[in-house]
Amino acid sequence: MRRERGRRQPARPAVPLALLPLLLAGCTVGPNYHRPAVDVPAAYRNNAAENPAAASLGDQKWESVFPDEELQKMIRSALQNNFDVRLAATRILQAQAQVGITRADQFPQLSAGPGYLAEKIPGFAFNVIELQALFSFNFDFWGQYRRATEAARANLLAEEWARRAVISTMISSVASAYFQLRELDLELEIAQRTLASRRESLTLTETLERGGAVGLLDVRQAQQLVETAAETIPDAERQIAIQEDLLSTLMGENPHAIPRGRAITEQPLPVEVPAGLPSELLERRPDIRQAEAQLIAANAQIGVARAQFFPSLPLTGQAGVESPNLAHLFMPGAAAWDISAPLTQPIFEAGRLRANYKLAQAEHQQMLLSYQQTIETAFRQVSDALIAFAKYREFRAHQEALTEAAQGAANLSEMRYRGGAASYLEVLTNETNYFAAELNLARARLNERLSLVQTYVALGGGWEQP
C-alpha cells in the first residue's frame, strides 16, 4: 500500500551507531593465501656455470645480451608496435577497470533527483512534488566484496605478468628471426662465392677438353658442381625474403627490406651461461608469476562463494522534501525520510550456493595444478636450454674442424687434378663435401645463438626494460 504523501512517518528502528564500526569491519571468510610448497632443485642439471649462485643470465637487460644495434632497433620497434604487445596492454586496462568496478561494491551508493507524482483514486486525489536523496549500502560483514576485490587485483597482476611474458617472447622471437636472417645471408654468400669459383673451374675444364687434355666426362662433372651451387642461391633468396617479411610483421609493419647489422659470425656469445639458483626462477619467470596471481584470485573466489552462505544486511534509506506544490517544497514540515536494514538469510536455493562453492574450490585446485605444472615446465626448459647451448657449442667446434679438413681436401684434390694425378671425380667428391660442410657450419653457428636466446628466455630474461 502506498503511504500517504506529506505525512511524517514514524521512525523505523535503525542500526545502533555503536554497532556500525563492527559491521563495517566485519570478518573475512575463506582461506588466506599462502604460497604452495614446491620441489625446487638445488641446482640445474648440466649447469655449465662454475658458481650456481652467480647472477643469472636472466637478470641481464636484453640490450646487453643482444648488442647488435640493428637488432636493438627492431626489438624496440616490436615492443612499441607489435599487436600482441598492444593487445596485452589493453587487457591490463580492462583488468584495472574491473578492479574499480568490483571495489565500488564496498562503498555506499548515493543518488539524488527531483520527482513528481499525481494519483487519483475514488474519493481521493493528490499531487506531490519531491526532491529526494537515495542511499544504499550492503554491509560487507563476511568479506564477500573484499575477497572479490582481492581476486580482481590478483587478476590485474596476472595480466601485468602476462604482458611481461609477451614482451619476453617478443624479444626472443625478433632475436631468433634476425639470427636466422643473418645465417641465411651467410648461406647465400657461401653459395655465391662457391658458384663463382666453380664457374672458373668449369671454364678451365672446358679449355682443357678442347685441347684434348681431358674428356667430356670431366666437363659434365664440372657442370654438376656449378649447378649444385647455383640451385642453392634462389632457395636462399626465397628464405631471406620470407624471413624479412616475418621480421617486418613482428615489428608491426608491412613487409619491407630489413637493414643488416653484424654478421652471424660476429654476434657475441658468452664463454659460459650463468643460470643462477633455481629458486630465483619462481620470482623472475613471468609465466610462473602469472600462474601464481591466478591462483591467488581463485583462492579469493572461495571466500566470495563462502560468504554467500551467511546473512546479508543491506541498509537502504531515503531523505528529502515533498509538498503538493512547489512553493511549499522547502517549508518546515516538508521533510520526509525512511531507513531500513533487513537481515536476510538464505534458506532454500536448490543447492545453488553449495554448487557455486564447490565450483570455486575446483577452480582453485585447477589453478594450483597449473601453477605447479608451470614451475615444473620452467625447470625443464632451463635444463634443456643449458644442455642445448653446451652441446651446440661442442657441435660447432667439431663442425669447424670438419670444414677446415674438407677445405684442405678440396684444395688438394684440385691441385692433384691439375697435375694429372687424380680424376675429376675426386674433385667432384671433395668440392661437394666442402660446400656441404660450409653450409652445416653456418647452421651450427645459428643453432648456438638460438640456444642462447632460448636459455635467456627460459631463465626469465627479457621483460625488464633497459
Protein backbone atom coordinates (compact mmCIF):
# COMPACT_ATOMS: atom_id res chain seq x y z
CA MET A 1 0.00 0.00 0.00
CA ARG A 2 1.34 3.46 -0.91
CA ARG A 3 1.94 5.61 2.13
CA GLU A 4 0.16 8.94 2.34
CA ARG A 5 2.39 11.67 0.96
CA GLY A 6 3.18 14.70 3.08
CA ARG A 7 2.74 12.94 6.44
CA ARG A 8 5.73 12.33 8.68
CA GLN A 9 6.24 8.62 9.12
CA PRO A 10 7.22 7.12 12.45
CA ALA A 11 10.96 6.41 12.63
CA ARG A 12 11.90 2.80 11.99
CA PRO A 13 14.40 1.06 14.24
CA ALA A 14 17.86 1.98 12.95
CA VAL A 15 21.09 0.09 13.37
CA PRO A 16 22.68 1.29 16.63
CA LEU A 17 25.57 3.58 15.90
CA ALA A 18 27.78 1.63 18.28
CA LEU A 19 27.48 -1.41 16.03
CA LEU A 20 28.46 0.39 12.84
CA PRO A 21 32.27 0.05 13.28
CA LEU A 22 31.84 -3.66 13.95
CA LEU A 23 29.62 -4.13 10.94
CA LEU A 24 31.95 -2.12 8.72
CA ALA A 25 34.99 -4.10 9.84
CA GLY A 26 33.28 -7.47 9.96
CA CYS A 27 35.31 -10.55 9.20
CA THR A 28 36.58 -12.17 6.04
CA VAL A 29 35.63 -15.77 5.43
CA GLY A 30 37.53 -18.08 3.14
CA PRO A 31 41.18 -19.19 3.19
CA ASN A 32 44.02 -16.68 3.24
CA TYR A 33 46.58 -17.25 0.51
CA HIS A 34 49.87 -18.96 1.27
CA ARG A 35 52.35 -19.84 -1.46
CA PRO A 36 52.25 -23.62 -2.01
CA ALA A 37 55.36 -25.64 -1.30
CA VAL A 38 57.15 -26.75 -4.48
CA ASP A 39 60.02 -29.11 -5.13
CA VAL A 40 62.88 -26.79 -6.11
CA PRO A 41 66.22 -28.42 -7.06
CA ALA A 42 69.41 -27.07 -5.52
CA ALA A 43 70.98 -26.54 -8.97
CA TYR A 44 70.09 -27.01 -12.60
CA ARG A 45 71.09 -30.20 -14.33
CA ASN A 46 74.19 -29.83 -16.52
CA ASN A 47 74.73 -26.27 -15.37
CA ALA A 48 77.91 -25.17 -17.06
CA ALA A 49 78.40 -22.24 -14.69
CA GLU A 50 81.16 -22.72 -12.14
CA ASN A 51 79.22 -20.84 -9.48
CA PRO A 52 75.47 -21.66 -9.45
CA ALA A 53 74.86 -18.76 -7.05
CA ALA A 54 76.28 -16.20 -9.52
CA ALA A 55 73.98 -13.64 -11.10
CA SER A 56 71.81 -15.34 -13.68
CA LEU A 57 71.81 -14.54 -17.38
CA GLY A 58 68.10 -13.90 -16.92
CA ASP A 59 68.91 -10.88 -14.73
CA GLN A 60 70.68 -9.09 -17.58
CA LYS A 61 68.88 -6.49 -19.68
CA TRP A 62 68.22 -7.58 -23.24
CA GLU A 63 70.42 -4.79 -24.65
CA SER A 64 73.48 -6.35 -23.05
CA VAL A 65 72.59 -9.83 -24.31
CA PHE A 66 71.90 -8.62 -27.88
CA PRO A 67 74.37 -5.78 -28.59
CA ASP A 68 73.74 -5.62 -32.37
CA GLU A 69 72.41 -2.07 -32.90
CA GLU A 70 70.16 -3.01 -35.82
CA LEU A 71 68.67 -5.85 -33.79
CA GLN A 72 68.07 -3.49 -30.88
CA LYS A 73 66.19 -1.09 -33.17
CA MET A 74 63.98 -3.95 -34.34
CA ILE A 75 63.25 -5.07 -30.78
CA ARG A 76 62.27 -1.53 -29.74
CA SER A 77 60.03 -1.21 -32.76
CA ALA A 78 58.38 -4.56 -31.99
CA LEU A 79 57.78 -3.62 -28.35
CA GLN A 80 56.12 -0.41 -29.47
CA ASN A 81 54.11 -1.55 -32.49
CA ASN A 82 53.54 -5.30 -32.32
CA PHE A 83 49.87 -6.18 -31.98
CA ASP A 84 50.43 -8.91 -29.38
CA VAL A 85 52.17 -6.42 -27.09
CA ARG A 86 49.48 -3.80 -27.65
CA LEU A 87 46.69 -6.31 -27.03
CA ALA A 88 48.34 -7.34 -23.77
CA ALA A 89 48.37 -3.67 -22.71
CA THR A 90 44.64 -3.32 -23.41
CA ARG A 91 43.93 -6.39 -21.28
CA ILE A 92 45.67 -4.63 -18.39
CA LEU A 93 43.42 -1.61 -18.85
CA GLN A 94 40.39 -3.90 -18.74
CA ALA A 95 41.64 -5.55 -15.54
CA GLN A 96 42.25 -2.13 -13.96
CA ALA A 97 38.70 -1.09 -14.76
CA GLN A 98 37.39 -4.37 -13.32
CA VAL A 99 39.20 -3.66 -10.05
CA GLY A 100 37.43 -0.29 -9.86
CA ILE A 101 34.04 -1.85 -10.59
CA THR A 102 34.49 -4.60 -8.01
CA ARG A 103 35.93 -2.33 -5.33
CA ALA A 104 32.94 0.06 -5.67
CA ASP A 105 30.69 -2.59 -4.07
CA GLN A 106 32.45 -1.96 -0.74
CA PHE A 107 31.18 1.63 -0.56
CA PRO A 108 27.76 3.24 -0.12
CA GLN A 109 25.77 4.25 -3.18
CA LEU A 110 24.11 7.66 -3.15
CA SER A 111 21.81 9.20 -5.77
CA ALA A 112 19.50 12.20 -5.82
CA GLY A 113 16.93 13.86 -8.03
CA PRO A 114 13.53 15.55 -8.24
CA GLY A 115 10.23 13.82 -8.89
CA TYR A 116 6.55 14.41 -9.49
CA LEU A 117 3.67 12.13 -8.61
CA ALA A 118 -0.02 12.54 -9.47
CA GLU A 119 -2.53 9.94 -8.34
CA LYS A 120 -6.31 9.71 -8.22
CA ILE A 121 -8.42 7.04 -6.65
CA PRO A 122 -12.18 7.08 -5.96
CA GLY A 123 -12.80 9.82 -3.43
CA PHE A 124 -9.22 10.96 -3.20
CA ALA A 125 -6.66 12.70 -5.41
CA PHE A 126 -3.30 14.36 -4.75
CA ASN A 127 -0.22 15.76 -6.44
CA VAL A 128 3.24 15.59 -4.88
CA ILE A 129 6.47 17.35 -5.88
CA GLU A 130 9.56 15.85 -4.22
CA LEU A 131 13.33 16.17 -4.05
CA GLN A 132 14.98 13.04 -2.66
CA ALA A 133 18.37 11.53 -1.96
CA LEU A 134 18.55 7.73 -2.07
CA PHE A 135 21.12 5.82 -0.05
CA SER A 136 22.04 2.13 -0.15
CA PHE A 137 24.83 0.15 1.43
CA ASN A 138 25.34 -3.57 1.89
CA PHE A 139 27.49 -4.24 4.92
CA ASP A 140 30.41 -6.43 3.88
CA PHE A 141 30.34 -8.22 7.22
CA TRP A 142 31.63 -11.54 5.84
CA GLY A 143 34.18 -10.04 3.46
CA GLN A 144 32.47 -11.03 0.22
CA TYR A 145 33.27 -7.75 -1.52
CA ARG A 146 36.74 -7.58 -0.03
CA ARG A 147 37.50 -11.07 -1.33
CA ALA A 148 36.09 -10.12 -4.73
CA THR A 149 38.35 -7.06 -4.80
CA GLU A 150 41.28 -9.23 -3.77
CA ALA A 151 40.52 -11.54 -6.70
CA ALA A 152 40.19 -8.61 -9.12
CA ARG A 153 43.54 -7.20 -8.03
CA ALA A 154 45.17 -10.60 -8.43
CA ASN A 155 43.72 -10.87 -11.92
CA LEU A 156 45.14 -7.43 -12.69
CA LEU A 157 48.55 -8.62 -11.51
CA ALA A 158 48.18 -11.74 -13.64
CA GLU A 159 47.52 -9.60 -16.73
CA GLU A 160 50.58 -7.49 -15.96
CA TRP A 161 52.75 -10.61 -15.76
CA ALA A 162 51.10 -11.89 -18.93
CA ARG A 163 52.13 -8.67 -20.66
CA ARG A 164 55.70 -9.16 -19.46
CA ALA A 165 55.64 -12.72 -20.76
CA VAL A 166 54.52 -11.38 -24.15
CA ILE A 167 57.40 -8.89 -24.07
CA SER A 168 59.90 -11.65 -23.28
CA THR A 169 58.51 -13.84 -26.04
CA MET A 170 58.53 -10.94 -28.50
CA ILE A 171 62.19 -10.16 -27.80
CA SER A 172 63.17 -13.79 -28.28
CA SER A 173 61.11 -14.02 -31.49
CA VAL A 174 62.74 -10.94 -33.02
CA ALA A 175 66.24 -12.03 -31.97
CA SER A 176 65.72 -15.56 -33.29
CA ALA A 177 64.27 -14.32 -36.59
CA TYR A 178 67.15 -11.87 -37.02
CA PHE A 179 69.80 -14.52 -36.33
CA GLN A 180 68.09 -16.81 -38.84
CA LEU A 181 68.14 -13.99 -41.38
CA ARG A 182 71.85 -13.38 -40.87
CA GLU A 183 72.55 -17.12 -41.17
CA LEU A 184 70.65 -17.21 -44.47
CA ASP A 185 72.73 -14.25 -45.60
CA LEU A 186 75.82 -16.30 -44.84
CA GLU A 187 74.46 -19.29 -46.76
CA LEU A 188 73.79 -17.03 -49.75
CA GLU A 189 77.30 -15.60 -49.52
CA ILE A 190 78.81 -19.11 -49.41
CA ALA A 191 76.73 -20.21 -52.39
CA GLN A 192 77.64 -17.15 -54.45
CA ARG A 193 81.34 -17.48 -53.63
CA THR A 194 81.28 -21.20 -54.41
CA LEU A 195 79.40 -20.60 -57.67
CA ALA A 196 81.97 -18.06 -58.84
CA SER A 197 84.82 -20.44 -58.02
CA ARG A 198 83.17 -23.38 -59.76
CA ARG A 199 82.44 -21.39 -62.88
CA GLU A 200 86.13 -20.60 -63.13
CA SER A 201 86.89 -24.29 -62.71
CA LEU A 202 84.33 -25.16 -65.40
CA THR A 203 85.91 -22.68 -67.81
CA LEU A 204 89.32 -24.24 -67.21
CA THR A 205 87.97 -27.75 -67.69
CA GLU A 206 86.28 -26.78 -70.96
CA THR A 207 89.56 -25.30 -72.18
CA LEU A 208 91.40 -28.50 -71.28
CA GLU A 209 88.73 -30.58 -73.03
CA ARG A 210 89.03 -28.58 -76.22
CA GLY A 211 92.77 -29.18 -76.10
CA GLY A 212 92.26 -32.88 -75.68
CA ALA A 213 93.84 -32.98 -72.22
CA VAL A 214 90.64 -34.21 -70.52
CA GLY A 215 87.48 -35.94 -71.59
CA LEU A 216 83.90 -34.70 -71.88
CA LEU A 217 83.05 -36.52 -68.62
CA ASP A 218 85.18 -34.05 -66.69
CA VAL A 219 83.26 -31.17 -68.25
CA ARG A 220 79.93 -32.70 -67.29
CA GLN A 221 81.11 -33.25 -63.72
CA ALA A 222 82.30 -29.64 -63.51
CA GLN A 223 78.88 -28.54 -64.72
CA GLN A 224 77.29 -30.56 -61.90
CA LEU A 225 79.32 -28.62 -59.37
CA VAL A 226 78.24 -25.32 -60.92
CA GLU A 227 74.54 -26.20 -60.91
CA THR A 228 74.69 -27.58 -57.37
CA ALA A 229 75.88 -24.20 -56.12
CA ALA A 230 73.56 -22.26 -58.45
CA GLU A 231 70.38 -24.02 -57.32
CA THR A 232 71.13 -23.09 -53.71
CA ILE A 233 71.02 -19.35 -54.44
CA PRO A 234 67.32 -18.87 -55.38
CA ASP A 235 66.23 -21.03 -52.45
CA ALA A 236 68.35 -18.95 -50.06
CA GLU A 237 66.96 -15.74 -51.57
CA ARG A 238 63.42 -17.07 -51.13
CA GLN A 239 64.02 -17.85 -47.46
CA ILE A 240 65.66 -14.46 -46.90
CA ALA A 241 62.66 -12.61 -48.33
CA ILE A 242 60.26 -14.65 -46.18
CA GLN A 243 62.37 -14.01 -43.09
CA GLU A 244 62.34 -10.27 -43.82
CA ASP A 245 58.54 -10.40 -44.06
CA LEU A 246 58.42 -12.15 -40.69
CA LEU A 247 60.60 -9.54 -39.03
CA SER A 248 58.50 -6.76 -40.59
CA THR A 249 55.34 -8.29 -39.15
CA LEU A 250 56.92 -8.74 -35.73
CA MET A 251 57.67 -5.02 -35.77
CA GLY A 252 54.06 -4.23 -36.66
CA GLU A 253 54.98 -3.04 -40.14
CA ASN A 254 54.19 -4.01 -43.72
CA PRO A 255 56.75 -6.31 -45.41
CA HIS A 256 59.92 -4.48 -46.37
CA ALA A 257 63.67 -4.99 -46.68
CA ILE A 258 65.46 -5.37 -43.36
CA PRO A 259 68.68 -3.46 -42.62
CA ARG A 260 71.60 -5.63 -41.53
CA GLY A 261 73.94 -5.27 -38.60
CA ARG A 262 76.63 -7.68 -37.51
CA ALA A 263 77.23 -10.89 -39.41
CA ILE A 264 76.19 -14.13 -37.74
CA THR A 265 79.84 -14.93 -37.06
CA GLU A 266 80.25 -11.58 -35.26
CA GLN A 267 77.29 -11.98 -32.91
CA PRO A 268 78.92 -12.37 -29.48
CA LEU A 269 78.49 -15.43 -27.32
CA PRO A 270 79.28 -15.74 -23.61
CA VAL A 271 82.03 -18.11 -22.57
CA GLU A 272 79.56 -19.69 -20.17
CA VAL A 273 75.94 -19.16 -19.23
CA PRO A 274 75.36 -18.40 -15.53
CA ALA A 275 71.99 -19.87 -14.66
CA GLY A 276 71.68 -18.74 -11.05
CA LEU A 277 69.73 -20.53 -8.34
CA PRO A 278 66.58 -22.43 -9.39
CA SER A 279 64.64 -20.83 -6.54
CA GLU A 280 65.13 -17.43 -8.19
CA LEU A 281 63.14 -18.66 -11.17
CA LEU A 282 59.93 -18.52 -9.11
CA GLU A 283 60.33 -14.75 -8.82
CA ARG A 284 61.73 -13.98 -12.27
CA ARG A 285 59.74 -16.03 -14.81
CA PRO A 286 56.66 -14.07 -15.93
CA ASP A 287 54.59 -17.20 -16.64
CA ILE A 288 55.20 -18.51 -13.11
CA ARG A 289 54.24 -15.16 -11.56
CA GLN A 290 51.14 -15.04 -13.77
CA ALA A 291 50.12 -18.55 -12.71
CA GLU A 292 50.58 -17.63 -9.04
CA ALA A 293 48.48 -14.47 -9.43
CA GLN A 294 45.71 -16.56 -10.99
CA LEU A 295 45.99 -18.96 -8.04
CA ILE A 296 45.61 -16.03 -5.62
CA ALA A 297 42.49 -14.89 -7.48
CA ALA A 298 40.98 -18.38 -7.36
CA ASN A 299 41.76 -18.60 -3.64
CA ALA A 300 39.93 -15.32 -3.02
CA GLN A 301 36.92 -16.52 -5.02
CA ILE A 302 36.47 -19.33 -2.48
CA GLY A 303 35.88 -16.61 0.12
CA VAL A 304 33.37 -14.90 -2.16
CA ALA A 305 31.43 -18.14 -2.57
CA ARG A 306 31.67 -18.95 1.14
CA ALA A 307 30.33 -15.54 2.21
CA GLN A 308 27.11 -16.14 0.29
CA PHE A 309 26.08 -18.77 2.86
CA PHE A 310 25.80 -16.15 5.62
CA PRO A 311 23.18 -13.47 6.32
CA SER A 312 23.32 -10.17 4.49
CA LEU A 313 22.47 -6.80 5.98
CA PRO A 314 21.57 -4.28 3.26
CA LEU A 315 20.98 -0.75 4.53
CA THR A 316 18.73 1.44 2.39
CA GLY A 317 17.27 4.82 3.05
CA GLN A 318 15.92 7.95 1.52
CA ALA A 319 15.60 11.52 2.69
CA GLY A 320 14.27 14.68 1.12
CA VAL A 321 11.45 17.15 0.96
CA GLU A 322 8.00 16.82 -0.58
CA SER A 323 4.95 19.05 -0.99
CA PRO A 324 1.76 19.26 -3.04
CA ASN A 325 3.10 22.44 -4.67
CA LEU A 326 6.49 23.92 -5.45
CA ALA A 327 6.02 26.97 -3.25
CA HIS A 328 5.89 24.89 -0.06
CA LEU A 329 8.63 22.42 -1.05
CA PHE A 330 11.19 23.88 1.35
CA MET A 331 8.80 24.91 4.09
CA PRO A 332 9.01 23.41 7.61
CA GLY A 333 7.24 20.09 7.74
CA ALA A 334 8.08 19.16 4.15
CA ALA A 335 10.95 16.90 5.19
CA ALA A 336 10.50 13.13 4.82
CA TRP A 337 12.82 10.19 5.34
CA ASP A 338 12.91 6.49 5.98
CA ILE A 339 15.60 3.89 6.57
CA SER A 340 15.58 0.09 6.61
CA ALA A 341 18.13 -2.61 7.38
CA PRO A 342 16.53 -6.04 6.87
CA LEU A 343 18.67 -9.03 7.85
CA THR A 344 18.25 -11.82 5.27
CA GLN A 345 19.47 -15.39 5.48
CA PRO A 346 19.43 -17.85 2.56
CA ILE A 347 17.12 -20.76 3.41
CA PHE A 348 16.34 -22.65 0.24
CA GLU A 349 18.13 -22.10 -3.09
CA ALA A 350 18.10 -25.66 -4.54
CA GLY A 351 21.80 -26.21 -3.87
CA ARG A 352 22.98 -23.25 -5.91
CA LEU A 353 25.21 -21.78 -3.19
CA ARG A 354 26.82 -25.12 -2.37
CA ALA A 355 27.43 -25.86 -6.04
CA ASN A 356 28.95 -22.41 -6.50
CA TYR A 357 31.24 -23.05 -3.51
CA LYS A 358 32.33 -26.40 -4.93
CA LEU A 359 32.96 -24.73 -8.29
CA ALA A 360 35.22 -22.16 -6.64
CA GLN A 361 37.14 -24.93 -4.86
CA ALA A 362 37.54 -26.91 -8.10
CA GLU A 363 38.77 -23.83 -9.96
CA HIS A 364 41.27 -23.20 -7.17
CA GLN A 365 42.52 -26.77 -7.46
CA GLN A 366 42.87 -26.30 -11.21
CA MET A 367 44.91 -23.11 -10.73
CA LEU A 368 47.08 -24.87 -8.13
CA LEU A 369 47.87 -27.70 -10.52
CA SER A 370 48.52 -25.21 -13.32
CA TYR A 371 50.91 -23.28 -11.07
CA GLN A 372 52.81 -26.44 -10.15
CA GLN A 373 52.89 -27.57 -13.78
CA THR A 374 54.21 -24.18 -14.91
CA ILE A 375 57.09 -24.41 -12.42
CA GLU A 376 57.91 -27.96 -13.46
CA THR A 377 57.89 -26.95 -17.14
CA ALA A 378 60.10 -23.96 -16.41
CA PHE A 379 62.76 -26.11 -14.72
CA ARG A 380 62.72 -28.50 -17.67
CA GLN A 381 63.02 -25.67 -20.19
CA VAL A 382 66.04 -24.22 -18.38
CA SER A 383 67.69 -27.64 -18.20
CA ASP A 384 67.01 -28.32 -21.88
CA ALA A 385 68.32 -24.89 -22.90
CA LEU A 386 71.53 -25.27 -20.89
CA ILE A 387 72.14 -28.70 -22.39
CA ALA A 388 71.42 -27.41 -25.89
CA PHE A 389 73.79 -24.46 -25.55
CA ALA A 390 76.65 -26.64 -24.31
CA LYS A 391 76.14 -29.34 -26.95
CA TYR A 392 75.61 -26.94 -29.84
CA ARG A 393 78.88 -25.29 -28.88
CA GLU A 394 80.65 -28.65 -29.00
CA PHE A 395 79.00 -29.46 -32.31
CA ARG A 396 80.04 -26.11 -33.79
CA ALA A 397 83.65 -26.68 -32.72
CA HIS A 398 83.70 -30.11 -34.41
CA GLN A 399 82.00 -28.68 -37.49
CA GLU A 400 84.69 -26.01 -37.76
CA ALA A 401 87.36 -28.73 -37.72
CA LEU A 402 85.42 -30.76 -40.29
CA THR A 403 85.03 -27.73 -42.57
CA GLU A 404 88.72 -26.95 -42.35
CA ALA A 405 89.58 -30.56 -43.24
CA ALA A 406 87.08 -30.55 -46.13
CA GLN A 407 88.57 -27.33 -47.47
CA GLY A 408 92.06 -28.82 -47.35
CA ALA A 409 90.89 -31.95 -49.17
CA ALA A 410 89.14 -29.88 -51.85
CA ASN A 411 92.22 -27.73 -52.43
CA LEU A 412 94.49 -30.77 -52.57
CA SER A 413 92.24 -32.65 -55.00
CA GLU A 414 92.16 -29.59 -57.28
CA MET A 415 95.95 -29.45 -57.28
CA ARG A 416 96.19 -33.19 -57.94
CA TYR A 417 93.72 -32.92 -60.83
CA ARG A 418 95.62 -30.08 -62.47
CA GLY A 419 98.81 -32.07 -62.06
CA GLY A 420 97.25 -35.10 -63.70
CA ALA A 421 97.47 -37.22 -60.55
CA ALA A 422 93.71 -37.50 -59.89
CA SER A 423 90.47 -37.74 -61.83
CA TYR A 424 87.82 -35.05 -61.76
CA LEU A 425 85.61 -37.43 -59.79
CA GLU A 426 87.90 -36.85 -56.81
CA VAL A 427 87.49 -33.09 -57.28
CA LEU A 428 83.71 -33.50 -57.52
CA THR A 429 83.53 -35.51 -54.30
CA ASN A 430 85.74 -33.20 -52.23
CA GLU A 431 84.17 -29.99 -53.55
CA THR A 432 80.72 -31.34 -52.72
CA ASN A 433 81.84 -32.28 -49.20
CA TYR A 434 83.41 -28.86 -48.62
CA PHE A 435 80.30 -26.98 -49.79
CA ALA A 436 78.06 -29.06 -47.53
CA ALA A 437 80.45 -28.59 -44.61
CA GLU A 438 80.39 -24.80 -45.01
CA LEU A 439 76.60 -24.73 -45.03
CA ASN A 440 76.44 -27.02 -42.00
CA LEU A 441 78.91 -24.80 -40.15
CA ALA A 442 76.70 -21.77 -40.83
CA ARG A 443 73.71 -23.62 -39.39
CA ALA A 444 75.76 -24.75 -36.41
CA ARG A 445 76.62 -21.11 -35.66
CA LEU A 446 72.93 -20.27 -35.90
CA ASN A 447 71.87 -23.09 -33.56
CA GLU A 448 74.42 -21.98 -30.98
CA ARG A 449 72.96 -18.47 -30.95
CA LEU A 450 69.37 -19.66 -31.00
CA SER A 451 70.12 -21.81 -27.96
CA LEU A 452 71.43 -18.69 -26.21
CA VAL A 453 68.14 -16.93 -26.92
CA GLN A 454 66.19 -19.93 -25.61
CA THR A 455 68.32 -20.06 -22.47
CA TYR A 456 67.83 -16.34 -21.85
CA VAL A 457 64.05 -16.62 -22.13
CA ALA A 458 63.90 -19.85 -20.11
CA LEU A 459 65.74 -18.09 -17.28
CA GLY A 460 63.09 -15.39 -17.26
CA GLY A 461 65.04 -12.68 -19.06
CA GLY A 462 63.86 -10.01 -21.45
CA TRP A 463 60.79 -8.47 -19.82
CA GLU A 464 62.69 -5.90 -17.74
CA GLN A 465 63.14 -2.83 -19.90
CA PRO A 466 66.61 -1.21 -20.15
